[in-house]
C-alpha atoms as a PDB file:
ATOM      1  CA  MET A   1      62.982  -6.540   6.904  1.00  0.00           C
ATOM      2  CA  ASP A   2      59.428  -5.743   5.764  1.00  0.00           C
ATOM      3  CA  GLN A   3      59.728  -4.120   2.338  1.00  0.00           C
ATOM      4  CA  ASN A   4      56.140  -2.875   2.512  1.00  0.00           C
ATOM      5  CA  ASN A   5      56.944  -0.947   5.678  1.00  0.00           C
ATOM      6  CA  ASN A   6      59.935   0.654   3.961  1.00  0.00           C
ATOM      7  CA  ILE A   7      57.754   1.782   1.078  1.00  0.00           C
ATOM      8  CA  HIS A   8      55.130   3.141   3.456  1.00  0.00           C
ATOM      9  CA  ASP A   9      57.708   5.026   5.532  1.00  0.00           C
ATOM     10  CA  HIS A  10      59.296   6.512   2.411  1.00  0.00           C
ATOM     11  CA  GLN A  11      55.936   7.649   1.074  1.00  0.00           C
ATOM     12  CA  ALA A  12      54.998   9.194   4.416  1.00  0.00           C
ATOM     13  CA  SER A  13      58.315  11.057   4.542  1.00  0.00           C
ATOM     14  CA  GLN A  14      57.857  12.267   0.977  1.00  0.00           C
ATOM     15  CA  GLU A  15      54.373  13.584   1.719  1.00  0.00           C
ATOM     16  CA  LEU A  16      55.662  15.326   4.848  1.00  0.00           C
ATOM     17  CA  ILE A  17      58.498  16.954   2.897  1.00  0.00           C
ATOM     18  CA  ASP A  18      56.092  18.124   0.198  1.00  0.00           C
ATOM     19  CA  ALA A  19      53.837  19.663   2.853  1.00  0.00           C
ATOM     20  CA  TYR A  20      56.823  21.484   4.383  1.00  0.00           C
ATOM     21  CA  LEU A  21      58.034  22.849   1.036  1.00  0.00           C
ATOM     22  CA  LEU A  22      54.527  24.026   0.184  1.00  0.00           C
ATOM     23  CA  ASN A  23      54.151  25.766   3.587  1.00  0.00           C
ATOM     24  CA  ALA A  24      51.252  23.466   4.462  1.00  0.00           C
ATOM     25  CA  LEU A  25      52.451  22.514   7.970  1.00  0.00           C
ATOM     26  CA  ASP A  26      51.209  24.290  11.045  1.00  0.00           C
ATOM     27  CA  GLU A  27      53.730  26.026  13.281  1.00  0.00           C
ATOM     28  CA  GLN A  28      54.302  23.085  15.673  1.00  0.00           C
ATOM     29  CA  GLU A  29      54.659  20.627  12.788  1.00  0.00           C
ATOM     30  CA  LYS A  30      57.182  22.930  11.164  1.00  0.00           C
ATOM     31  CA  VAL A  31      59.225  23.139  14.372  1.00  0.00           C
ATOM     32  CA  GLU A  32      59.282  19.336  14.687  1.00  0.00           C
ATOM     33  CA  PHE A  33      60.172  18.968  11.004  1.00  0.00           C
ATOM     34  CA  GLU A  34      63.137  21.348  11.268  1.00  0.00           C
ATOM     35  CA  LYS A  35      64.343  19.570  14.427  1.00  0.00           C
ATOM     36  CA  ARG A  36      64.297  16.332  12.467  1.00  0.00           C
ATOM     37  CA  MET A  37      66.380  17.927   9.707  1.00  0.00           C
ATOM     38  CA  LYS A  38      68.983  19.006  12.260  1.00  0.00           C
ATOM     39  CA  LEU A  39      69.112  15.604  13.934  1.00  0.00           C
ATOM     40  CA  PHE A  40      69.215  13.475  10.787  1.00  0.00           C
ATOM     41  CA  PRO A  41      71.573  14.618   7.999  1.00  0.00           C
ATOM     42  CA  ASN A  42      70.195  11.990   5.610  1.00  0.00           C
ATOM     43  CA  PHE A  43      66.696  13.360   6.058  1.00  0.00           C
ATOM     44  CA  ARG A  44      67.954  16.906   5.485  1.00  0.00           C
ATOM     45  CA  SER A  45      69.616  15.750   2.254  1.00  0.00           C
ATOM     46  CA  LEU A  46      66.311  14.240   1.155  1.00  0.00           C
ATOM     47  CA  VAL A  47      64.535  17.543   1.829  1.00  0.00           C
ATOM     48  CA  LEU A  48      67.098  19.509  -0.182  1.00  0.00           C
ATOM     49  CA  ALA A  49      66.882  17.039  -3.053  1.00  0.00           C
ATOM     50  CA  GLN A  50      63.092  17.300  -3.115  1.00  0.00           C
ATOM     51  CA  LYS A  51      63.294  21.092  -3.031  1.00  0.00           C
ATOM     52  CA  ALA A  52      65.664  21.102  -5.999  1.00  0.00           C
ATOM     53  CA  LEU A  53      63.385  18.730  -7.875  1.00  0.00           C
ATOM     54  CA  MET A  54      60.389  20.970  -7.222  1.00  0.00           C
ATOM     55  CA  TYR A  55      62.234  23.945  -8.697  1.00  0.00           C
ATOM     56  CA  GLU A  56      63.255  21.887 -11.722  1.00  0.00           C
ATOM     57  CA  VAL A  57      59.642  20.880 -12.350  1.00  0.00           C
ATOM     58  CA  GLU A  58      58.483  24.500 -12.099  1.00  0.00           C
ATOM     59  CA  GLU A  59      61.221  25.656 -14.429  1.00  0.00           C
ATOM     60  CA  HIS A  60      60.437  22.848 -16.874  1.00  0.00           C
ATOM     61  CA  PHE A  61      56.833  23.981 -17.225  1.00  0.00           C
ATOM     62  CA  LEU A  62      57.950  27.560 -17.675  1.00  0.00           C
ATOM     63  CA  LYS A  63      60.492  26.737 -20.337  1.00  0.00           C
ATOM     64  CA  LYS A  64      57.931  24.687 -22.256  1.00  0.00           C
ATOM     65  CA  SER A  65      55.935  27.870 -22.706  1.00  0.00           C
ATOM     66  CA  LEU A  66      58.905  29.949 -23.904  1.00  0.00           C
ATOM     67  CA  ASP A  67      58.511  29.174 -27.611  1.00  0.00           C
ATOM     68  CA  GLY A  68      54.874  30.158 -27.543  1.00  0.00           C
ATOM     69  CA  TYR A  69      55.702  33.286 -25.619  1.00  0.00           C
ATOM     70  CA  HIS A  70      58.179  34.522 -28.205  1.00  0.00           C
ATOM     71  CA  SER A  71      55.973  33.567 -31.171  1.00  0.00           C
ATOM     72  CA  GLU A  72      52.895  35.444 -29.964  1.00  0.00           C
ATOM     73  CA  ILE A  73      52.226  39.158 -29.745  1.00  0.00           C
ATOM     74  CA  VAL A  74      49.841  39.539 -26.859  1.00  0.00           C
ATOM     75  CA  ASP A  75      48.806  42.719 -25.101  1.00  0.00           C
ATOM     76  CA  LEU A  76      49.346  42.692 -21.366  1.00  0.00           C
ATOM     77  CA  PRO A  77      46.101  42.338 -19.418  1.00  0.00           C
ATOM     78  CA  THR A  78      44.735  45.691 -18.330  1.00  0.00           C
ATOM     79  CA  LYS A  79      43.710  44.303 -14.969  1.00  0.00           C
ATOM     80  CA  ASN A  80      44.710  41.324 -12.939  1.00  0.00           C
ATOM     81  CA  TRP A  81      46.136  38.006 -14.169  1.00  0.00           C
ATOM     82  CA  VAL A  82      44.591  36.349 -11.123  1.00  0.00           C
ATOM     83  CA  THR A  83      41.673  34.211 -12.251  1.00  0.00           C
ATOM     84  CA  PRO A  84      38.894  33.335  -9.762  1.00  0.00           C
ATOM     85  CA  GLY A  85      40.846  30.170  -9.020  1.00  0.00           C
ATOM     86  CA  TRP A  86      44.016  32.125  -8.290  1.00  0.00           C
ATOM     87  CA  MET A  87      42.047  34.562  -6.146  1.00  0.00           C
ATOM     88  CA  ALA A  88      40.586  31.709  -4.123  1.00  0.00           C
ATOM     89  CA  LEU A  89      44.084  30.334  -3.657  1.00  0.00           C
ATOM     90  CA  ALA A  90      45.454  33.709  -2.593  1.00  0.00           C
ATOM     91  CA  ALA A  91      42.564  34.246  -0.198  1.00  0.00           C
ATOM     92  CA  SER A  92      43.207  30.859   1.386  1.00  0.00           C
ATOM     93  CA  VAL A  93      46.836  31.645   2.158  1.00  0.00           C
ATOM     94  CA  VAL A  94      47.101  32.554   5.828  1.00  0.00           C
ATOM     95  CA  ILE A  95      50.330  34.290   6.707  1.00  0.00           C
ATOM     96  CA  LEU A  96      51.737  32.388   9.652  1.00  0.00           C
ATOM     97  CA  ILE A  97      53.568  34.327  12.352  1.00  0.00           C
ATOM     98  CA  ALA A  98      56.887  32.594  12.908  1.00  0.00           C
ATOM     99  CA  VAL A  99      59.222  33.570  15.743  1.00  0.00           C
ATOM    100  CA  SER A 100      62.668  33.870  14.204  1.00  0.00           C
ATOM    101  CA  THR A 101      65.589  32.177  15.927  1.00  0.00           C
ATOM    102  CA  TRP A 102      68.072  34.297  14.031  1.00  0.00           C
ATOM    103  CA  ALA A 103      66.836  37.761  15.060  1.00  0.00           C
ATOM    104  CA  ILE A 104      69.853  40.034  15.284  1.00  0.00           C
ATOM    105  CA  PHE A 105      68.301  42.672  17.494  1.00  0.00           C
ATOM    106  CA  SER A 106      68.376  42.189  21.239  1.00  0.00           C
ATOM    107  CA  ASN A 107      67.674  45.639  22.694  1.00  0.00           C
ATOM    108  CA  GLY A 108      64.115  45.021  23.905  1.00  0.00           C
ATOM    109  CA  ASN A 109      61.020  45.094  21.702  1.00  0.00           C
ATOM    110  CA  SER A 110      62.245  47.731  19.241  1.00  0.00           C
ATOM    111  CA  PRO A 111      60.220  48.183  16.017  1.00  0.00           C
ATOM    112  CA  GLN A 112      63.026  46.623  14.008  1.00  0.00           C
ATOM    113  CA  LYS A 113      63.168  43.672  16.381  1.00  0.00           C
ATOM    114  CA  LEU A 114      59.430  43.192  15.928  1.00  0.00           C
ATOM    115  CA  PHE A 115      60.010  43.246  12.185  1.00  0.00           C
ATOM    116  CA  ALA A 116      62.823  40.682  12.394  1.00  0.00           C
ATOM    117  CA  GLU A 117      60.722  38.366  14.551  1.00  0.00           C
ATOM    118  CA  ASN A 118      57.620  38.512  12.368  1.00  0.00           C
ATOM    119  CA  PHE A 119      58.709  38.961   8.772  1.00  0.00           C
ATOM    120  CA  ARG A 120      58.354  35.956   6.559  1.00  0.00           C
ATOM    121  CA  PRO A 121      58.077  36.331   2.756  1.00  0.00           C
ATOM    122  CA  ASP A 122      54.789  35.426   1.120  1.00  0.00           C
ATOM    123  CA  PRO A 123      55.043  31.804  -0.141  1.00  0.00           C
ATOM    124  CA  GLY A 124      54.271  32.997  -3.661  1.00  0.00           C
ATOM    125  CA  LEU A 125      51.996  31.587  -6.366  1.00  0.00           C
ATOM    126  CA  PRO A 126      52.313  28.127  -7.946  1.00  0.00           C
ATOM    127  CA  THR A 127      54.135  28.287 -11.268  1.00  0.00           C
ATOM    128  CA  THR A 128      53.402  24.894 -12.821  1.00  0.00           C
ATOM    129  CA  MET A 129      50.250  26.146 -14.563  1.00  0.00           C
ATOM    130  CA  SER A 130      51.769  29.202 -16.240  1.00  0.00           C
ATOM    131  CA  THR A 131      51.024  30.135 -19.846  1.00  0.00           C
ATOM    132  CA  SER A 132      53.085  31.759 -22.572  1.00  0.00           C
ATOM    133  CA  VAL A 133      51.254  35.049 -21.963  1.00  0.00           C
ATOM    134  CA  ASN A 134      52.526  35.245 -18.392  1.00  0.00           C
ATOM    135  CA  TYR A 135      55.965  33.738 -18.929  1.00  0.00           C
ATOM    136  CA  ASP A 136      58.042  36.606 -17.524  1.00  0.00           C
ATOM    137  CA  PHE A 137      55.849  36.961 -14.445  1.00  0.00           C
ATOM    138  CA  TYR A 138      56.003  33.275 -13.549  1.00  0.00           C
ATOM    139  CA  TYR A 139      59.708  32.971 -14.306  1.00  0.00           C
ATOM    140  CA  GLY A 140      60.128  35.851 -11.869  1.00  0.00           C
ATOM    141  CA  MET A 141      58.070  33.828  -9.394  1.00  0.00           C
ATOM    142  CA  VAL A 142      60.578  30.969  -9.700  1.00  0.00           C
ATOM    143  CA  ASN A 143      63.369  33.471  -8.956  1.00  0.00           C
ATOM    144  CA  TYR A 144      61.372  34.792  -6.002  1.00  0.00           C
ATOM    145  CA  LYS A 145      60.876  31.332  -4.510  1.00  0.00           C
ATOM    146  CA  ARG A 146      64.606  30.697  -4.845  1.00  0.00           C
ATOM    147  CA  GLN A 147      65.219  33.959  -2.935  1.00  0.00           C
ATOM    148  CA  GLU A 148      66.782  35.421  -6.080  1.00  0.00           C
ATOM    149  CA  TYR A 149      65.044  38.673  -5.325  1.00  0.00           C
ATOM    150  CA  ASN A 150      67.082  40.938  -7.605  1.00  0.00           C
ATOM    151  CA  GLU A 151      66.215  38.768 -10.610  1.00  0.00           C
ATOM    152  CA  ALA A 152      62.526  38.596  -9.675  1.00  0.00           C
ATOM    153  CA  ILE A 153      62.319  42.349  -9.125  1.00  0.00           C
ATOM    154  CA  SER A 154      64.022  43.057 -12.448  1.00  0.00           C
ATOM    155  CA  ARG A 155      61.507  40.925 -14.363  1.00  0.00           C
ATOM    156  CA  TRP A 156      58.487  42.288 -12.518  1.00  0.00           C
ATOM    157  CA  GLU A 157      59.534  45.939 -12.793  1.00  0.00           C
ATOM    158  CA  THR A 158      59.496  45.588 -16.592  1.00  0.00           C
ATOM    159  CA  ILE A 159      55.922  44.273 -16.399  1.00  0.00           C
ATOM    160  CA  TYR A 160      54.968  46.984 -13.906  1.00  0.00           C
ATOM    161  CA  ALA A 161      56.271  49.711 -16.224  1.00  0.00           C
ATOM    162  CA  ALA A 162      53.910  48.464 -18.933  1.00  0.00           C
ATOM    163  CA  ASN A 163      50.952  47.844 -16.630  1.00  0.00           C
ATOM    164  CA  PRO A 164      51.178  49.615 -13.246  1.00  0.00           C
ATOM    165  CA  GLU A 165      47.563  48.707 -12.402  1.00  0.00           C
ATOM    166  CA  ASN A 166      48.287  44.979 -12.158  1.00  0.00           C
ATOM    167  CA  ASP A 167      47.813  44.435  -8.432  1.00  0.00           C
ATOM    168  CA  THR A 168      49.462  40.995  -8.505  1.00  0.00           C
ATOM    169  CA  VAL A 169      52.717  42.468  -9.788  1.00  0.00           C
ATOM    170  CA  VAL A 170      52.483  45.480  -7.476  1.00  0.00           C
ATOM    171  CA  TYR A 171      51.986  43.295  -4.397  1.00  0.00           C
ATOM    172  CA  PHE A 172      54.817  40.884  -5.117  1.00  0.00           C
ATOM    173  CA  LEU A 173      57.188  43.729  -6.019  1.00  0.00           C
ATOM    174  CA  GLY A 174      56.486  45.106  -2.549  1.00  0.00           C
ATOM    175  CA  VAL A 175      57.153  41.835  -0.753  1.00  0.00           C
ATOM    176  CA  ALA A 176      60.220  41.026  -2.873  1.00  0.00           C
ATOM    177  CA  ASN A 177      61.760  44.427  -2.142  1.00  0.00           C
ATOM    178  CA  LEU A 178      61.081  44.016   1.564  1.00  0.00           C
ATOM    179  CA  ALA A 179      62.672  40.563   1.549  1.00  0.00           C
ATOM    180  CA  ASN A 180      65.606  42.088  -0.324  1.00  0.00           C
ATOM    181  CA  GLY A 181      66.153  44.719   2.374  1.00  0.00           C
ATOM    182  CA  ASN A 182      64.813  47.695   0.402  1.00  0.00           C
ATOM    183  CA  ALA A 183      62.094  49.070   2.672  1.00  0.00           C
ATOM    184  CA  ARG A 184      61.734  52.315   0.731  1.00  0.00           C
ATOM    185  CA  GLN A 185      60.804  50.593  -2.535  1.00  0.00           C
ATOM    186  CA  ALA A 186      58.702  48.026  -0.684  1.00  0.00           C
ATOM    187  CA  LYS A 187      56.699  50.824   0.903  1.00  0.00           C
ATOM    188  CA  LYS A 188      56.021  52.406  -2.493  1.00  0.00           C
ATOM    189  CA  TYR A 189      54.528  49.226  -3.942  1.00  0.00           C
ATOM    190  CA  LEU A 190      52.728  48.034  -0.811  1.00  0.00           C
ATOM    191  CA  GLN A 191      51.053  51.404  -0.304  1.00  0.00           C
ATOM    192  CA  ALA A 192      49.736  51.144  -3.859  1.00  0.00           C
ATOM    193  CA  ALA A 193      48.604  47.551  -3.300  1.00  0.00           C
ATOM    194  CA  GLN A 194      46.710  48.248  -0.084  1.00  0.00           C
ATOM    195  CA  GLU A 195      44.837  51.087  -1.757  1.00  0.00           C
ATOM    196  CA  LYS A 196      42.912  48.481  -3.798  1.00  0.00           C
ATOM    197  CA  PRO A 197      40.260  46.987  -1.442  1.00  0.00           C
ATOM    198  CA  ALA A 198      38.954  44.694  -4.201  1.00  0.00           C
ATOM    199  CA  SER A 199      42.358  43.092  -4.695  1.00  0.00           C
ATOM    200  CA  ALA A 200      42.904  39.474  -3.662  1.00  0.00           C
ATOM    201  CA  PHE A 201      46.060  40.715  -1.920  1.00  0.00           C
ATOM    202  CA  PHE A 202      44.517  43.615   0.007  1.00  0.00           C
ATOM    203  CA  GLU A 203      44.867  42.197   3.533  1.00  0.00           C
ATOM    204  CA  GLU A 204      48.309  40.743   2.829  1.00  0.00           C
ATOM    205  CA  ALA A 205      49.443  44.130   1.501  1.00  0.00           C
ATOM    206  CA  GLN A 206      48.295  45.822   4.726  1.00  0.00           C
ATOM    207  CA  TYR A 207      50.208  43.298   6.812  1.00  0.00           C
ATOM    208  CA  TYR A 208      53.464  43.649   4.869  1.00  0.00           C
ATOM    209  CA  LEU A 209      53.123  47.429   4.741  1.00  0.00           C
ATOM    210  CA  ALA A 210      52.864  47.421   8.550  1.00  0.00           C
ATOM    211  CA  LEU A 211      56.048  45.346   8.701  1.00  0.00           C
ATOM    212  CA  THR A 212      57.733  47.838   6.365  1.00  0.00           C
ATOM    213  CA  LEU A 213      56.778  50.653   8.721  1.00  0.00           C
ATOM    214  CA  LEU A 214      58.240  48.712  11.644  1.00  0.00           C
ATOM    215  CA  LYS A 215      61.477  48.285   9.718  1.00  0.00           C
ATOM    216  CA  GLU A 216      61.527  52.077   9.333  1.00  0.00           C
ATOM    217  CA  ASN A 217      60.957  52.479  13.111  1.00  0.00           C
ATOM    218  CA  LYS A 218      57.480  53.934  12.498  1.00  0.00           C
ATOM    219  CA  LEU A 219      55.733  52.053  15.271  1.00  0.00           C
ATOM    220  CA  GLU A 220      52.666  54.286  15.623  1.00  0.00           C
ATOM    221  CA  GLU A 221      52.005  54.321  11.875  1.00  0.00           C
ATOM    222  CA  ALA A 222      52.172  50.522  11.817  1.00  0.00           C
ATOM    223  CA  ARG A 223      49.773  50.348  14.773  1.00  0.00           C
ATOM    224  CA  GLN A 224      47.251  52.644  13.097  1.00  0.00           C
ATOM    225  CA  LEU A 225      47.367  50.653   9.870  1.00  0.00           C
ATOM    226  CA  LEU A 226      46.844  47.318  11.616  1.00  0.00           C
ATOM    227  CA  THR A 227      43.778  48.561  13.500  1.00  0.00           C
ATOM    228  CA  LYS A 228      42.034  48.711  10.096  1.00  0.00           C
ATOM    229  CA  SER A 229      42.689  45.045   9.349  1.00  0.00           C
ATOM    230  CA  THR A 230      40.923  41.953  10.641  1.00  0.00           C
ATOM    231  CA  SER A 231      43.219  39.329   9.101  1.00  0.00           C
ATOM    232  CA  PRO A 232      44.642  36.805  11.627  1.00  0.00           C
ATOM    233  CA  ALA A 233      48.235  37.797  10.909  1.00  0.00           C
ATOM    234  CA  SER A 234      47.501  41.508  11.380  1.00  0.00           C
ATOM    235  CA  VAL A 235      45.602  40.890  14.616  1.00  0.00           C
ATOM    236  CA  VAL A 236      48.538  38.934  16.070  1.00  0.00           C
ATOM    237  CA  LEU A 237      51.059  41.558  14.985  1.00  0.00           C
ATOM    238  CA  LEU A 238      48.954  44.358  16.469  1.00  0.00           C
ATOM    239  CA  LYS A 239      48.842  42.539  19.809  1.00  0.00           C
ATOM    240  CA  LYS A 240      52.626  42.320  19.799  1.00  0.00           C
ATOM    241  CA  ILE A 241      52.925  46.009  19.000  1.00  0.00           C
ATOM    242  CA  ASN A 242      50.461  46.927  21.767  1.00  0.00           C
ATOM    243  CA  ALA A 243      52.559  44.890  24.200  1.00  0.00           C
ATOM    244  CA  HIS A 244      55.587  46.988  23.214  1.00  0.00           C
END
């Protein structure tokens, strides 16, 4: 057995898993990856182990900043925590339209069925570069990535109460509430987020607000909102609505 080949294969698998967990695969690659997980239990176990490790690393960096966070008295930023680097990252995130295999609605192309087929939570922001100033926000981001939406919302609502103009918090509160099944609260935050054209999350907020409207069976309102957006995700969703 060629040991070098084993090392190469392991490294290739590891890189593929990392790309999957970071939402860096295209739609076809993702489909093939998930088929592989179903066919090979050992590979699926490797994916789950890597996912757990990724969370542990994120949490480790967050906890390292805890002492500094509690020892400093720092005013919350009056604007956005998103630096130019974060904004570039957010702008580069393209929301992929994934057709869900677990959609529970089967009565034609109803608005709620369109929602179920197209909703996918925002991947979120990286948390390994957090600072003590932003500890609560980024710990909430770890909760969000773990789909612990109640915990994330609780942390972010405290920050929002102190600084309701922070468009990063407003946007992710909207998406987290939508992922948590609370369309009414999601709509409140996403409407506020998409009223800020200069925000790095403006187009994403429009897209998720349209999905919120679909979940509320407001098809025409969603259509009208999407006609104002030129983002790839919004264009695709609008085409699906027009085919309704």
